[in-house]
Amino acid sequence: MLAHLPPLLRGVITATLLGLNTLVAFTTMIPPALVKLLVPATGVRNACTRMLNAIANRWVANNNAWIHAVNRSRWDVQGVAGLHRRGWYLVSSNHQSWVDILVLQRVLHGHVPMLKFFLKAELIWVPVIGLAWWALDFPFMKRGRGHGARSSDLKTTREACEKFKRIPTAVMNFVEGTRFTRAKHHAQKSPYRHLLKPKIGGLGIALATMGEQFESMLDVTIVYPHGTPTFWELLSGRLDAVLVRVQQRDIPADLLGGDPVGDKAYRQRLTAWIEGLWVEKDEQIGRLLGGGADGG
């Protein structure tokens, strides 16, 4: 029914639904989040984490419902068969828009555990959602420069990932570190046509902390064949097509563990692996944009 309404009205309705969904989820999270904060017992905190994850998964499911209701877009998704919600995954994706987050949540919902994103430290101050991210153990990265800042990020992320070992988790990282734009692409002098240069920091820290626990890396490619949508276009039902390819990749044994801060050789091995994947991803995006067949 929503798909037949004018775009402005659709956007107002879905923005309201998103706001109410977020408010209800946040309010419901407060009691288990406070218990988790105040009670140090591991069993109690694990139970609270499961409850918080269940609330967050309901939030995702509700968002998926309004996205489906308002958008008559074509979703071409390949590669999610064989995934399971009781596994541990390292998830990596290209990044073009805030819409990517809802796309990833919709595509992977029910196939893998709740996605946990690496976030910029400043985002903890976002009203309502920042506290929810903290309660859900999302790693907050300062992304500072220098050995001291990288060591701090390693400590912060190690603490978060240690918690992830107890409960099945999908750790999500946008390797580019920021959303792709032509201006950023030009400023970087990126060697890729459709991607920014990869940054290995978040992946290196996740692999150093719990690499052996990951079953595989989920290499996700998101393509919007008619141009990168804005968040308002998603809300107003003007997202016309989404192509998603998910590839399970074995993580090389020499990248499990290691020191991404102090071991230069380790960083070089990780960089070489990611850059190789980036070359493939760049070619895949080109094929998908060109309308070529790609089984992913």
Protein backbone atom coordinates (compact mmCIF):
# COMPACT_ATOMS: atom_id res chain seq x y z
CA MET A 1 0.00 0.00 0.00
CA LEU A 2 2.79 2.44 0.88
CA ALA A 3 4.31 2.01 -2.57
CA HIS A 4 1.27 3.72 -4.15
CA LEU A 5 1.57 6.91 -2.07
CA PRO A 6 3.40 10.06 -3.27
CA PRO A 7 7.16 9.95 -2.52
CA LEU A 8 7.05 12.81 0.02
CA LEU A 9 4.27 11.14 2.00
CA ARG A 10 6.06 7.79 1.81
CA GLY A 11 9.20 9.39 3.18
CA VAL A 12 7.38 11.04 6.07
CA ILE A 13 5.61 7.80 7.00
CA THR A 14 8.71 5.61 6.82
CA ALA A 15 10.84 8.17 8.69
CA THR A 16 8.20 8.12 11.41
CA LEU A 17 8.17 4.31 11.45
CA LEU A 18 11.97 4.24 11.66
CA GLY A 19 11.92 6.75 14.51
CA LEU A 20 9.24 4.88 16.46
CA ASN A 21 10.97 1.56 15.85
CA THR A 22 14.25 2.99 17.14
CA LEU A 23 12.59 4.62 20.16
CA VAL A 24 10.80 1.41 21.17
CA ALA A 25 13.94 -0.67 20.68
CA PHE A 26 16.05 1.79 22.69
CA THR A 27 13.54 1.94 25.53
CA THR A 28 13.37 -1.84 25.66
CA MET A 29 17.16 -2.05 25.75
CA ILE A 30 17.55 0.16 28.83
CA PRO A 31 16.82 -2.48 31.54
CA PRO A 32 19.18 -5.20 30.21
CA ALA A 33 21.80 -2.56 29.36
CA LEU A 34 21.75 -1.28 32.96
CA VAL A 35 21.96 -4.80 34.37
CA LYS A 36 24.88 -5.50 32.03
CA LEU A 37 26.59 -2.34 33.23
CA LEU A 38 26.07 -2.92 36.95
CA VAL A 39 26.36 -6.70 37.36
CA PRO A 40 29.88 -8.05 36.71
CA ALA A 41 28.94 -11.77 36.58
CA THR A 42 29.81 -13.19 33.15
CA GLY A 43 26.70 -15.37 32.95
CA VAL A 44 24.42 -12.42 33.69
CA ARG A 45 26.17 -10.21 31.15
CA ASN A 46 25.99 -12.92 28.48
CA ALA A 47 22.26 -13.29 29.12
CA CYS A 48 21.82 -9.53 28.82
CA THR A 49 23.82 -9.51 25.57
CA ARG A 50 21.56 -12.22 24.12
CA MET A 51 18.51 -10.19 25.11
CA LEU A 52 19.97 -7.01 23.60
CA ASN A 53 20.82 -8.86 20.39
CA ALA A 54 17.26 -10.19 20.18
CA ILE A 55 15.87 -6.66 20.54
CA ALA A 56 18.28 -5.39 17.89
CA ASN A 57 17.31 -8.23 15.53
CA ARG A 58 13.64 -7.28 15.97
CA TRP A 59 14.58 -3.67 15.15
CA VAL A 60 16.23 -4.91 11.93
CA ALA A 61 13.22 -7.08 11.03
CA ASN A 62 10.85 -4.13 11.50
CA ASN A 63 13.04 -1.95 9.29
CA ASN A 64 13.10 -4.68 6.66
CA ALA A 65 9.31 -4.70 6.70
CA TRP A 66 8.92 -1.01 5.88
CA ILE A 67 11.72 -1.14 3.30
CA HIS A 68 9.83 -3.93 1.55
CA ALA A 69 6.50 -2.11 1.84
CA VAL A 70 7.69 1.22 0.46
CA ASN A 71 10.17 0.15 -2.22
CA ARG A 72 9.27 -1.79 -5.32
CA SER A 73 12.93 -2.15 -6.09
CA ARG A 74 14.66 -5.15 -7.63
CA TRP A 75 16.90 -6.92 -5.13
CA ASP A 76 19.33 -9.27 -6.83
CA VAL A 77 21.12 -11.10 -4.02
CA GLN A 78 23.49 -14.05 -4.40
CA GLY A 79 25.70 -15.93 -1.98
CA VAL A 80 23.73 -16.11 1.28
CA ALA A 81 22.85 -19.80 0.99
CA GLY A 82 24.82 -21.94 3.40
CA LEU A 83 25.34 -19.23 6.03
CA HIS A 84 24.00 -19.85 9.52
CA ARG A 85 23.05 -17.78 12.56
CA ARG A 86 25.16 -19.78 15.02
CA GLY A 87 28.44 -19.03 13.29
CA TRP A 88 31.22 -16.49 13.62
CA TYR A 89 31.97 -14.38 10.54
CA LEU A 90 34.21 -11.49 9.59
CA VAL A 91 32.21 -9.35 7.15
CA SER A 92 33.73 -6.85 4.74
CA SER A 93 31.98 -4.63 2.20
CA ASN A 94 32.48 -1.67 -0.08
CA HIS A 95 30.81 1.52 1.17
CA GLN A 96 28.93 4.18 -0.81
CA SER A 97 26.02 5.42 1.31
CA TRP A 98 24.36 5.18 4.72
CA VAL A 99 21.86 3.03 2.82
CA ASP A 100 24.55 0.31 2.72
CA ILE A 101 23.97 -0.44 6.41
CA LEU A 102 20.27 -1.16 5.96
CA VAL A 103 21.02 -3.11 2.78
CA LEU A 104 23.51 -5.31 4.64
CA GLN A 105 21.11 -5.81 7.51
CA ARG A 106 18.30 -6.78 5.17
CA VAL A 107 20.39 -9.13 3.04
CA LEU A 108 22.12 -10.91 5.94
CA HIS A 109 19.26 -10.87 8.46
CA GLY A 110 18.34 -14.42 9.42
CA HIS A 111 21.45 -15.80 7.71
CA VAL A 112 24.16 -14.66 10.13
CA PRO A 113 24.22 -13.34 13.72
CA MET A 114 23.59 -9.69 14.49
CA LEU A 115 26.10 -7.50 12.63
CA LYS A 116 28.53 -5.62 14.88
CA PHE A 117 30.07 -2.62 13.11
CA PHE A 118 33.38 -0.87 13.69
CA LEU A 119 32.31 2.71 14.41
CA LYS A 120 34.07 6.05 14.69
CA ALA A 121 34.42 7.04 18.35
CA GLU A 122 32.44 10.24 17.79
CA LEU A 123 29.32 8.23 16.95
CA ILE A 124 28.90 7.15 20.57
CA TRP A 125 27.43 10.64 21.13
CA VAL A 126 24.64 10.17 18.59
CA PRO A 127 21.39 10.55 20.56
CA VAL A 128 19.61 7.29 21.38
CA ILE A 129 21.50 5.12 18.88
CA GLY A 130 24.94 5.79 20.39
CA LEU A 131 23.94 4.27 23.73
CA ALA A 132 22.35 1.30 21.96
CA TRP A 133 25.58 0.70 20.02
CA TRP A 134 27.54 0.78 23.29
CA ALA A 135 25.17 -1.71 24.96
CA LEU A 136 25.53 -4.04 21.95
CA ASP A 137 29.35 -3.98 22.29
CA PHE A 138 30.05 -2.24 19.00
CA PRO A 139 33.79 -1.39 18.84
CA PHE A 140 34.41 2.37 18.78
CA MET A 141 37.59 3.31 16.92
CA LYS A 142 39.37 6.66 17.35
CA ARG A 143 41.15 6.22 14.02
CA GLY A 144 43.99 8.41 15.20
CA ARG A 145 47.41 8.46 13.65
CA GLY A 146 50.58 7.20 15.22
CA HIS A 147 51.61 4.11 17.11
CA GLY A 148 49.91 5.21 20.35
CA ALA A 149 46.53 5.75 18.69
CA ARG A 150 46.74 2.40 16.88
CA SER A 151 47.63 0.66 20.14
CA SER A 152 44.62 2.26 21.81
CA ASP A 153 42.35 1.06 19.01
CA LEU A 154 43.86 -2.41 19.33
CA LYS A 155 43.13 -2.45 23.08
CA THR A 156 39.55 -1.18 22.60
CA THR A 157 38.72 -3.59 19.81
CA ARG A 158 40.42 -6.51 21.55
CA GLU A 159 38.15 -5.95 24.55
CA ALA A 160 35.05 -5.89 22.33
CA CYS A 161 36.12 -8.93 20.33
CA GLU A 162 36.86 -10.90 23.49
CA LYS A 163 33.15 -10.50 24.30
CA PHE A 164 32.25 -11.66 20.79
CA LYS A 165 33.95 -15.00 21.48
CA ARG A 166 31.19 -15.96 23.90
CA ILE A 167 28.22 -15.47 21.58
CA PRO A 168 27.99 -16.08 17.78
CA THR A 169 28.79 -12.79 16.06
CA ALA A 170 29.31 -11.25 12.64
CA VAL A 171 31.95 -8.52 12.90
CA MET A 172 31.41 -5.94 10.14
CA ASN A 173 34.05 -3.61 8.73
CA PHE A 174 33.92 -1.14 5.84
CA VAL A 175 37.50 -1.53 4.64
CA GLU A 176 37.53 1.80 2.80
CA GLY A 177 36.96 3.55 6.13
CA THR A 178 34.59 6.10 4.61
CA ARG A 179 31.91 6.39 1.94
CA PHE A 180 33.04 6.39 -1.68
CA THR A 181 32.74 9.65 -3.58
CA ARG A 182 34.42 10.74 -6.79
CA ALA A 183 36.08 13.61 -4.91
CA LYS A 184 37.64 11.24 -2.36
CA HIS A 185 38.58 8.84 -5.14
CA HIS A 186 40.39 11.63 -6.99
CA ALA A 187 42.07 12.98 -3.84
CA GLN A 188 43.41 9.52 -2.97
CA LYS A 189 44.55 8.81 -6.52
CA SER A 190 42.96 5.41 -5.97
CA PRO A 191 44.20 2.74 -8.38
CA TYR A 192 40.70 1.20 -8.46
CA ARG A 193 37.90 2.44 -10.70
CA HIS A 194 35.02 1.94 -8.26
CA LEU A 195 36.68 1.76 -4.85
CA LEU A 196 38.76 3.79 -2.45
CA LYS A 197 42.03 2.41 -1.16
CA PRO A 198 41.49 -0.25 1.51
CA LYS A 199 42.48 0.36 5.13
CA ILE A 200 43.48 -2.75 7.03
CA GLY A 201 43.29 -1.40 10.59
CA GLY A 202 39.92 -2.77 11.66
CA LEU A 203 40.35 -6.09 9.90
CA GLY A 204 43.83 -6.55 11.32
CA ILE A 205 42.65 -5.95 14.86
CA ALA A 206 39.68 -8.32 14.48
CA LEU A 207 41.92 -11.04 13.02
CA ALA A 208 44.54 -10.50 15.72
CA THR A 209 41.94 -10.89 18.44
CA MET A 210 39.69 -13.73 17.25
CA GLY A 211 40.89 -14.74 13.80
CA GLU A 212 40.89 -18.48 14.52
CA GLN A 213 37.27 -18.32 15.64
CA PHE A 214 35.99 -16.89 12.34
CA GLU A 215 34.59 -19.59 10.07
CA SER A 216 35.23 -17.43 7.04
CA MET A 217 35.28 -13.90 5.74
CA LEU A 218 32.11 -12.76 3.99
CA ASP A 219 33.25 -10.52 1.16
CA VAL A 220 30.19 -8.43 0.26
CA THR A 221 29.87 -6.30 -2.87
CA ILE A 222 27.00 -3.78 -3.08
CA VAL A 223 26.12 -2.16 -6.41
CA TYR A 224 23.43 0.40 -7.16
CA PRO A 225 23.17 0.20 -10.97
CA HIS A 226 21.27 3.48 -11.29
CA GLY A 227 23.43 5.55 -8.98
CA THR A 228 24.18 5.69 -5.28
CA PRO A 229 20.95 6.42 -3.37
CA THR A 230 20.55 8.87 -0.54
CA PHE A 231 18.92 7.83 2.71
CA TRP A 232 15.89 9.95 1.81
CA GLU A 233 15.51 8.07 -1.46
CA LEU A 234 15.36 4.83 0.52
CA LEU A 235 12.78 6.31 2.91
CA SER A 236 10.65 7.70 0.09
CA GLY A 237 10.62 4.48 -1.90
CA ARG A 238 12.86 5.57 -4.75
CA LEU A 239 15.49 2.86 -4.38
CA ASP A 240 14.98 1.15 -7.72
CA ALA A 241 17.61 -1.61 -7.83
CA VAL A 242 20.17 -3.24 -5.55
CA LEU A 243 22.71 -5.89 -6.53
CA VAL A 244 24.49 -7.76 -3.74
CA ARG A 245 27.09 -10.51 -4.04
CA VAL A 246 28.31 -12.38 -0.95
CA GLN A 247 31.41 -14.55 -1.25
CA GLN A 248 32.69 -16.78 1.56
CA ARG A 249 36.46 -16.62 1.61
CA ASP A 250 38.88 -18.68 3.65
CA ILE A 251 41.14 -16.52 5.79
CA PRO A 252 44.82 -17.34 5.13
CA ALA A 253 46.42 -19.17 8.06
CA ASP A 254 49.28 -16.66 8.27
CA LEU A 255 46.78 -13.88 9.00
CA LEU A 256 45.26 -15.55 12.06
CA GLY A 257 46.62 -13.91 15.18
CA GLY A 258 49.65 -11.69 14.72
CA ASP A 259 50.29 -8.10 15.73
CA PRO A 260 48.79 -5.54 13.32
CA VAL A 261 50.41 -2.68 15.25
CA GLY A 262 53.96 -3.82 15.92
CA ASP A 263 54.58 -6.42 13.19
CA LYS A 264 55.33 -4.74 9.85
CA ALA A 265 55.59 -8.07 8.00
CA TYR A 266 52.12 -9.06 9.24
CA ARG A 267 50.66 -5.77 8.01
CA GLN A 268 52.28 -6.32 4.63
CA ARG A 269 50.77 -9.82 4.32
CA LEU A 270 47.32 -8.54 5.29
CA THR A 271 47.61 -5.58 2.90
CA ALA A 272 48.60 -7.86 0.01
CA TRP A 273 45.62 -10.16 0.68
CA ILE A 274 43.09 -7.33 0.90
CA GLU A 275 44.47 -5.54 -2.15
CA GLY A 276 44.11 -8.77 -4.13
CA LEU A 277 40.47 -9.02 -3.05
CA TRP A 278 40.01 -5.35 -3.93
CA VAL A 279 41.20 -5.93 -7.49
CA GLU A 280 38.61 -8.71 -7.87
CA LYS A 281 35.88 -6.59 -6.28
CA ASP A 282 36.65 -3.64 -8.55
CA GLU A 283 36.35 -5.89 -11.61
CA GLN A 284 33.14 -7.42 -10.27
CA ILE A 285 31.56 -3.99 -9.73
CA GLY A 286 32.50 -3.06 -13.29
CA ARG A 287 30.79 -6.18 -14.63
CA LEU A 288 27.67 -5.61 -12.56
CA LEU A 289 27.41 -1.98 -13.58
CA GLY A 290 27.88 -3.00 -17.19
CA GLY A 291 25.06 -5.53 -16.97
CA GLY A 292 27.39 -8.48 -17.37
CA ALA A 293 26.63 -11.85 -15.85
CA ASP A 294 28.19 -12.40 -12.46
CA GLY A 295 27.34 -15.41 -10.40
CA GLY A 296 29.32 -14.07 -7.44
